[in-house]
Amino acid sequence: WERAREEAEKAERLKEIATRRVSSTCME
């Protein structure tokens, strides 16, 4: 359960990073 929670948190962080990159790319 702890590993799954860590992976979910990691996936959420990667999603936020990807969203920021797409937003910055769209601005360019």
PDB file of all heavy atoms in Angstrom:
ATOM      1  N   TRP A   1       0.836  -1.202   0.000  1.00  0.00           N
ATOM      2  CA  TRP A   1       0.000   0.000   0.000  1.00  0.00           C
ATOM      3  C   TRP A   1       0.873   1.257   0.000  1.00  0.00           C
ATOM      4  O   TRP A   1       0.594   2.220  -0.724  1.00  0.00           O
ATOM      5  CB  TRP A   1      -0.915  -0.016   1.231  1.00  0.00           C
ATOM      6  CG  TRP A   1      -1.814   1.169   1.297  1.00  0.00           C
ATOM      7  CD1 TRP A   1      -2.990   1.355   0.640  1.00  0.00           C
ATOM      8  CD2 TRP A   1      -1.588   2.354   2.065  1.00  0.00           C
ATOM      9  NE1 TRP A   1      -3.512   2.580   0.946  1.00  0.00           N
ATOM     10  CE2 TRP A   1      -2.666   3.220   1.830  1.00  0.00           C
ATOM     11  CE3 TRP A   1      -0.581   2.765   2.921  1.00  0.00           C
ATOM     12  CZ2 TRP A   1      -2.781   4.464   2.419  1.00  0.00           C
ATOM     13  CZ3 TRP A   1      -0.685   4.015   3.516  1.00  0.00           C
ATOM     14  CH2 TRP A   1      -1.772   4.849   3.260  1.00  0.00           C
ATOM     15  N   GLU A   2       1.933   1.265   0.815  1.00  0.00           N
ATOM     16  CA  GLU A   2       2.830   2.428   0.859  1.00  0.00           C
ATOM     17  C   GLU A   2       3.519   2.645  -0.490  1.00  0.00           C
ATOM     18  O   GLU A   2       3.652   3.783  -0.941  1.00  0.00           O
ATOM     19  CB  GLU A   2       3.864   2.257   1.976  1.00  0.00           C
ATOM     20  CG  GLU A   2       3.274   2.407   3.355  1.00  0.00           C
ATOM     21  CD  GLU A   2       4.267   2.100   4.471  1.00  0.00           C
ATOM     22  OE1 GLU A   2       5.440   1.753   4.176  1.00  0.00           O
ATOM     23  OE2 GLU A   2       3.865   2.200   5.641  1.00  0.00           O
ATOM     24  N   ARG A   3       3.940   1.556  -1.119  1.00  0.00           N
ATOM     25  CA  ARG A   3       4.561   1.684  -2.455  1.00  0.00           C
ATOM     26  C   ARG A   3       3.566   2.241  -3.470  1.00  0.00           C
ATOM     27  O   ARG A   3       3.915   3.107  -4.287  1.00  0.00           O
ATOM     28  CB  ARG A   3       5.087   0.332  -2.933  1.00  0.00           C
ATOM     29  CG  ARG A   3       6.349  -0.102  -2.248  1.00  0.00           C
ATOM     30  CD  ARG A   3       6.820  -1.427  -2.782  1.00  0.00           C
ATOM     31  NE  ARG A   3       7.961  -1.932  -2.026  1.00  0.00           N
ATOM     32  CZ  ARG A   3       8.362  -3.186  -2.050  1.00  0.00           C
ATOM     33  NH1 ARG A   3       7.738  -4.072  -2.813  1.00  0.00           N
ATOM     34  NH2 ARG A   3       9.398  -3.575  -1.335  1.00  0.00           N
ATOM     35  N   ALA A   4       2.355   1.737  -3.420  1.00  0.00           N
ATOM     36  CA  ALA A   4       1.327   2.214  -4.352  1.00  0.00           C
ATOM     37  C   ALA A   4       1.035   3.695  -4.113  1.00  0.00           C
ATOM     38  O   ALA A   4       0.875   4.468  -5.070  1.00  0.00           O
ATOM     39  CB  ALA A   4       0.053   1.390  -4.201  1.00  0.00           C
ATOM     40  N   ARG A   5       0.991   4.112  -2.856  1.00  0.00           N
ATOM     41  CA  ARG A   5       0.752   5.519  -2.535  1.00  0.00           C
ATOM     42  C   ARG A   5       1.900   6.384  -3.061  1.00  0.00           C
ATOM     43  O   ARG A   5       1.679   7.448  -3.647  1.00  0.00           O
ATOM     44  CB  ARG A   5       0.602   5.701  -1.018  1.00  0.00           C
ATOM     45  CG  ARG A   5       0.118   7.099  -0.643  1.00  0.00           C
ATOM     46  CD  ARG A   5       0.260   7.360   0.810  1.00  0.00           C
ATOM     47  NE  ARG A   5       1.711   7.401   1.071  1.00  0.00           N
ATOM     48  CZ  ARG A   5       2.273   7.154   2.228  1.00  0.00           C
ATOM     49  NH1 ARG A   5       1.543   6.819   3.247  1.00  0.00           N
ATOM     50  NH2 ARG A   5       3.569   7.223   2.386  1.00  0.00           N
ATOM     51  N   GLU A   6       3.149   5.912  -2.871  1.00  0.00           N
ATOM     52  CA  GLU A   6       4.314   6.649  -3.375  1.00  0.00           C
ATOM     53  C   GLU A   6       4.264   6.765  -4.890  1.00  0.00           C
ATOM     54  O   GLU A   6       4.561   7.825  -5.448  1.00  0.00           O
ATOM     55  CB  GLU A   6       5.603   5.966  -2.929  1.00  0.00           C
ATOM     56  CG  GLU A   6       5.892   6.090  -1.451  1.00  0.00           C
ATOM     57  CD  GLU A   6       7.055   5.222  -0.994  1.00  0.00           C
ATOM     58  OE1 GLU A   6       7.642   4.502  -1.840  1.00  0.00           O
ATOM     59  OE2 GLU A   6       7.358   5.248   0.207  1.00  0.00           O
ATOM     60  N   GLU A   7       3.879   5.674  -5.572  1.00  0.00           N
ATOM     61  CA  GLU A   7       3.788   5.704  -7.037  1.00  0.00           C
ATOM     62  C   GLU A   7       2.689   6.656  -7.489  1.00  0.00           C
ATOM     63  O   GLU A   7       2.845   7.363  -8.494  1.00  0.00           O
ATOM     64  CB  GLU A   7       3.545   4.299  -7.584  1.00  0.00           C
ATOM     65  CG  GLU A   7       4.770   3.413  -7.518  1.00  0.00           C
ATOM     66  CD  GLU A   7       4.532   2.032  -8.102  1.00  0.00           C
ATOM     67  OE1 GLU A   7       3.586   1.874  -8.894  1.00  0.00           O
ATOM     68  OE2 GLU A   7       5.304   1.117  -7.764  1.00  0.00           O
ATOM     69  N   ALA A   8       1.577   6.680  -6.760  1.00  0.00           N
ATOM     70  CA  ALA A   8       0.488   7.598  -7.113  1.00  0.00           C
ATOM     71  C   ALA A   8       0.944   9.045  -6.935  1.00  0.00           C
ATOM     72  O   ALA A   8       0.645   9.911  -7.777  1.00  0.00           O
ATOM     73  CB  ALA A   8      -0.746   7.314  -6.266  1.00  0.00           C
ATOM     74  N   GLU A   9       1.674   9.323  -5.851  1.00  0.00           N
ATOM     75  CA  GLU A   9       2.197  10.673  -5.631  1.00  0.00           C
ATOM     76  C   GLU A   9       3.184  11.051  -6.732  1.00  0.00           C
ATOM     77  O   GLU A   9       3.176  12.195  -7.233  1.00  0.00           O
ATOM     78  CB  GLU A   9       2.861  10.767  -4.255  1.00  0.00           C
ATOM     79  CG  GLU A   9       1.880  10.718  -3.107  1.00  0.00           C
ATOM     80  CD  GLU A   9       2.562  10.626  -1.751  1.00  0.00           C
ATOM     81  OE1 GLU A   9       3.810  10.520  -1.696  1.00  0.00           O
ATOM     82  OE2 GLU A   9       1.835  10.659  -0.739  1.00  0.00           O
ATOM     83  N   LYS A  10       4.035  10.094  -7.121  1.00  0.00           N
ATOM     84  CA  LYS A  10       5.011  10.344  -8.185  1.00  0.00           C
ATOM     85  C   LYS A  10       4.288  10.627  -9.501  1.00  0.00           C
ATOM     86  O   LYS A  10       4.654  11.560 -10.237  1.00  0.00           O
ATOM     87  CB  LYS A  10       5.929   9.134  -8.334  1.00  0.00           C
ATOM     88  CG  LYS A  10       7.012   9.309  -9.369  1.00  0.00           C
ATOM     89  CD  LYS A  10       7.897   8.085  -9.432  1.00  0.00           C
ATOM     90  CE  LYS A  10       8.950   8.201 -10.515  1.00  0.00           C
ATOM     91  NZ  LYS A  10       9.785   6.992 -10.602  1.00  0.00           N
ATOM     92  N   ALA A  11       3.242   9.842  -9.787  1.00  0.00           N
ATOM     93  CA  ALA A  11       2.471  10.056 -11.020  1.00  0.00           C
ATOM     94  C   ALA A  11       1.806  11.426 -11.000  1.00  0.00           C
ATOM     95  O   ALA A  11       1.758  12.123 -12.034  1.00  0.00           O
ATOM     96  CB  ALA A  11       1.420   8.965 -11.184  1.00  0.00           C
ATOM     97  N   GLU A  12       1.314  11.845  -9.839  1.00  0.00           N
ATOM     98  CA  GLU A  12       0.688  13.166  -9.724  1.00  0.00           C
ATOM     99  C   GLU A  12       1.717  14.280  -9.969  1.00  0.00           C
ATOM    100  O   GLU A  12       1.428  15.264 -10.669  1.00  0.00           O
ATOM    101  CB  GLU A  12       0.054  13.318  -8.339  1.00  0.00           C
ATOM    102  CG  GLU A  12      -0.764  14.565  -8.163  1.00  0.00           C
ATOM    103  CD  GLU A  12      -1.997  14.614  -9.046  1.00  0.00           C
ATOM    104  OE1 GLU A  12      -2.564  13.545  -9.352  1.00  0.00           O
ATOM    105  OE2 GLU A  12      -2.366  15.730  -9.454  1.00  0.00           O
ATOM    106  N   ARG A  13       2.917  14.122  -9.425  1.00  0.00           N
ATOM    107  CA  ARG A  13       3.982  15.111  -9.658  1.00  0.00           C
ATOM    108  C   ARG A  13       4.357  15.169 -11.136  1.00  0.00           C
ATOM    109  O   ARG A  13       4.529  16.260 -11.707  1.00  0.00           O
ATOM    110  CB  ARG A  13       5.214  14.773  -8.811  1.00  0.00           C
ATOM    111  CG  ARG A  13       5.061  15.120  -7.345  1.00  0.00           C
ATOM    112  CD  ARG A  13       6.385  15.035  -6.591  1.00  0.00           C
ATOM    113  NE  ARG A  13       7.080  13.764  -6.744  1.00  0.00           N
ATOM    114  CZ  ARG A  13       6.928  12.700  -5.961  1.00  0.00           C
ATOM    115  NH1 ARG A  13       6.077  12.742  -4.965  1.00  0.00           N
ATOM    116  NH2 ARG A  13       7.618  11.594  -6.174  1.00  0.00           N
ATOM    117  N   LEU A  14       4.501  13.979 -11.775  1.00  0.00           N
ATOM    118  CA  LEU A  14       4.827  13.946 -13.215  1.00  0.00           C
ATOM    119  C   LEU A  14       3.726  14.598 -14.040  1.00  0.00           C
ATOM    120  O   LEU A  14       4.000  15.298 -15.024  1.00  0.00           O
ATOM    121  CB  LEU A  14       5.055  12.504 -13.672  1.00  0.00           C
ATOM    122  CG  LEU A  14       6.326  11.831 -13.148  1.00  0.00           C
ATOM    123  CD1 LEU A  14       6.351  10.362 -13.570  1.00  0.00           C
ATOM    124  CD2 LEU A  14       7.565  12.556 -13.663  1.00  0.00           C
ATOM    125  N   LYS A  15       2.487  14.402 -13.647  1.00  0.00           N
ATOM    126  CA  LYS A  15       1.363  15.018 -14.359  1.00  0.00           C
ATOM    127  C   LYS A  15       1.443  16.545 -14.256  1.00  0.00           C
ATOM    128  O   LYS A  15       1.239  17.249 -15.244  1.00  0.00           O
ATOM    129  CB  LYS A  15       0.045  14.524 -13.764  1.00  0.00           C
ATOM    130  CG  LYS A  15      -1.176  15.139 -14.364  1.00  0.00           C
ATOM    131  CD  LYS A  15      -2.428  14.643 -13.650  1.00  0.00           C
ATOM    132  CE  LYS A  15      -3.614  15.509 -13.979  1.00  0.00           C
ATOM    133  NZ  LYS A  15      -4.769  15.187 -13.160  1.00  0.00           N
ATOM    134  N   GLU A  16       1.748  17.033 -13.047  1.00  0.00           N
ATOM    135  CA  GLU A  16       1.863  18.482 -12.864  1.00  0.00           C
ATOM    136  C   GLU A  16       3.012  19.044 -13.707  1.00  0.00           C
ATOM    137  O   GLU A  16       2.871  20.102 -14.342  1.00  0.00           O
ATOM    138  CB  GLU A  16       2.085  18.811 -11.391  1.00  0.00           C
ATOM    139  CG  GLU A  16       0.867  18.582 -10.524  1.00  0.00           C
ATOM    140  CD  GLU A  16       1.158  18.750  -9.034  1.00  0.00           C
ATOM    141  OE1 GLU A  16       2.265  19.214  -8.664  1.00  0.00           O
ATOM    142  OE2 GLU A  16       0.275  18.399  -8.231  1.00  0.00           O
ATOM    143  N   ILE A  17       4.151  18.342 -13.725  1.00  0.00           N
ATOM    144  CA  ILE A  17       5.297  18.781 -14.529  1.00  0.00           C
ATOM    145  C   ILE A  17       4.929  18.798 -16.008  1.00  0.00           C
ATOM    146  O   ILE A  17       5.221  19.759 -16.736  1.00  0.00           O
ATOM    147  CB  ILE A  17       6.521  17.882 -14.264  1.00  0.00           C
ATOM    148  CG1 ILE A  17       7.037  18.097 -12.834  1.00  0.00           C
ATOM    149  CG2 ILE A  17       7.618  18.134 -15.278  1.00  0.00           C
ATOM    150  CD1 ILE A  17       8.095  17.079 -12.413  1.00  0.00           C
ATOM    151  N   ALA A  18       4.264  17.749 -16.459  1.00  0.00           N
ATOM    152  CA  ALA A  18       3.869  17.667 -17.874  1.00  0.00           C
ATOM    153  C   ALA A  18       2.880  18.770 -18.222  1.00  0.00           C
ATOM    154  O   ALA A  18       2.970  19.367 -19.308  1.00  0.00           O
ATOM    155  CB  ALA A  18       3.266  16.301 -18.162  1.00  0.00           C
ATOM    156  N   THR A  19       1.969  19.061 -17.306  1.00  0.00           N
ATOM    157  CA  THR A  19       0.985  20.112 -17.571  1.00  0.00           C
ATOM    158  C   THR A  19       1.680  21.463 -17.686  1.00  0.00           C
ATOM    159  O   THR A  19       1.364  22.264 -18.578  1.00  0.00           O
ATOM    160  CB  THR A  19      -0.063  20.158 -16.431  1.00  0.00           C
ATOM    161  OG1 THR A  19      -0.682  18.892 -16.330  1.00  0.00           O
ATOM    162  CG2 THR A  19      -1.117  21.212 -16.688  1.00  0.00           C
ATOM    163  N   ARG A  20       2.645  21.716 -16.811  1.00  0.00           N
ATOM    164  CA  ARG A  20       3.391  22.988 -16.899  1.00  0.00           C
ATOM    165  C   ARG A  20       4.181  23.077 -18.202  1.00  0.00           C
ATOM    166  O   ARG A  20       4.233  24.134 -18.834  1.00  0.00           O
ATOM    167  CB  ARG A  20       4.331  23.113 -15.702  1.00  0.00           C
ATOM    168  CG  ARG A  20       3.610  23.643 -14.473  1.00  0.00           C
ATOM    169  CD  ARG A  20       4.596  23.972 -13.367  1.00  0.00           C
ATOM    170  NE  ARG A  20       4.355  22.964 -12.326  1.00  0.00           N
ATOM    171  CZ  ARG A  20       5.284  22.282 -11.691  1.00  0.00           C
ATOM    172  NH1 ARG A  20       6.550  22.462 -11.967  1.00  0.00           N
ATOM    173  NH2 ARG A  20       4.957  21.418 -10.781  1.00  0.00           N
ATOM    174  N   ARG A  21       4.774  21.965 -18.621  1.00  0.00           N
ATOM    175  CA  ARG A  21       5.551  21.971 -19.876  1.00  0.00           C
ATOM    176  C   ARG A  21       4.646  22.237 -21.074  1.00  0.00           C
ATOM    177  O   ARG A  21       4.997  23.008 -21.976  1.00  0.00           O
ATOM    178  CB  ARG A  21       6.287  20.655 -20.061  1.00  0.00           C
ATOM    179  CG  ARG A  21       7.506  20.538 -19.213  1.00  0.00           C
ATOM    180  CD  ARG A  21       8.277  19.295 -19.552  1.00  0.00           C
ATOM    181  NE  ARG A  21       9.418  19.137 -18.650  1.00  0.00           N
ATOM    182  CZ  ARG A  21      10.064  18.022 -18.471  1.00  0.00           C
ATOM    183  NH1 ARG A  21       9.711  16.939 -19.142  1.00  0.00           N
ATOM    184  NH2 ARG A  21      11.078  17.960 -17.640  1.00  0.00           N
ATOM    185  N   VAL A  22       3.499  21.581 -21.083  1.00  0.00           N
ATOM    186  CA  VAL A  22       2.570  21.785 -22.207  1.00  0.00           C
ATOM    187  C   VAL A  22       2.107  23.237 -22.207  1.00  0.00           C
ATOM    188  O   VAL A  22       2.034  23.879 -23.257  1.00  0.00           O
ATOM    189  CB  VAL A  22       1.379  20.810 -22.111  1.00  0.00           C
ATOM    190  CG1 VAL A  22       0.267  21.207 -23.070  1.00  0.00           C
ATOM    191  CG2 VAL A  22       1.835  19.401 -22.404  1.00  0.00           C
ATOM    192  N   SER A  23       1.817  23.770 -21.030  1.00  0.00           N
ATOM    193  CA  SER A  23       1.370  25.164 -20.958  1.00  0.00           C
ATOM    194  C   SER A  23       2.456  26.105 -21.459  1.00  0.00           C
ATOM    195  O   SER A  23       2.187  27.054 -22.211  1.00  0.00           O
ATOM    196  CB  SER A  23       0.993  25.533 -19.523  1.00  0.00           C
ATOM    197  OG  SER A  23      -0.125  24.812 -19.119  1.00  0.00           O
ATOM    198  N   SER A  24       3.698  25.850 -21.033  1.00  0.00           N
ATOM    199  CA  SER A  24       4.780  26.737 -21.478  1.00  0.00           C
ATOM    200  C   SER A  24       5.035  26.562 -22.968  1.00  0.00           C
ATOM    201  O   SER A  24       5.353  27.520 -23.678  1.00  0.00           O
ATOM    202  CB  SER A  24       6.049  26.494 -20.670  1.00  0.00           C
ATOM    203  OG  SER A  24       6.541  25.197 -20.916  1.00  0.00           O
ATOM    204  N   THR A  25       4.873  25.343 -23.492  1.00  0.00           N
ATOM    205  CA  THR A  25       5.051  25.104 -24.925  1.00  0.00           C
ATOM    206  C   THR A  25       3.966  25.817 -25.704  1.00  0.00           C
ATOM    207  O   THR A  25       4.224  26.407 -26.765  1.00  0.00           O
ATOM    208  CB  THR A  25       5.030  23.591 -25.235  1.00  0.00           C
ATOM    209  OG1 THR A  25       6.033  22.954 -24.468  1.00  0.00           O
ATOM    210  CG2 THR A  25       5.257  23.323 -26.706  1.00  0.00           C
ATOM    211  N   CYS A  26       2.751  25.774 -25.188  1.00  0.00           N
ATOM    212  CA  CYS A  26       1.640  26.453 -25.871  1.00  0.00           C
ATOM    213  C   CYS A  26       1.883  27.957 -25.902  1.00  0.00           C
ATOM    214  O   CYS A  26       1.493  28.641 -26.849  1.00  0.00           O
ATOM    215  CB  CYS A  26       0.316  26.168 -25.167  1.00  0.00           C
ATOM    216  SG  CYS A  26      -0.284  24.499 -25.476  1.00  0.00           S
ATOM    217  N   MET A  27       2.506  28.485 -24.883  1.00  0.00           N
ATOM    218  CA  MET A  27       2.795  29.918 -24.855  1.00  0.00           C
ATOM    219  C   MET A  27       3.842  30.283 -25.910  1.00  0.00           C
ATOM    220  O   MET A  27       3.861  31.403 -26.399  1.00  0.00           O
ATOM    221  CB  MET A  27       3.308  30.335 -23.476  1.00  0.00           C
ATOM    222  CG  MET A  27       2.261  30.256 -22.413  1.00  0.00           C
ATOM    223  SD  MET A  27       0.963  31.387 -22.878  1.00  0.00           S
ATOM    224  CE  MET A  27       0.038  31.422 -21.409  1.00  0.00           C
ATOM    225  N   GLU A  28       4.714  29.339 -26.237  1.00  0.00           N
ATOM    226  CA  GLU A  28       5.766  29.624 -27.208  1.00  0.00           C
ATOM    227  C   GLU A  28       5.289  29.505 -28.657  1.00  0.00           C
ATOM    228  O   GLU A  28       5.954  29.960 -29.570  1.00  0.00           O
ATOM    229  CB  GLU A  28       6.943  28.670 -26.969  1.00  0.00           C
ATOM    230  CG  GLU A  28       7.650  28.914 -25.662  1.00  0.00           C
ATOM    231  CD  GLU A  28       8.763  27.912 -25.425  1.00  0.00           C
ATOM    232  OE1 GLU A  28       9.081  27.118 -26.335  1.00  0.00           O
ATOM    233  OE2 GLU A  28       9.305  27.915 -24.307  1.00  0.00           O
TER     234      GLU A  28
END
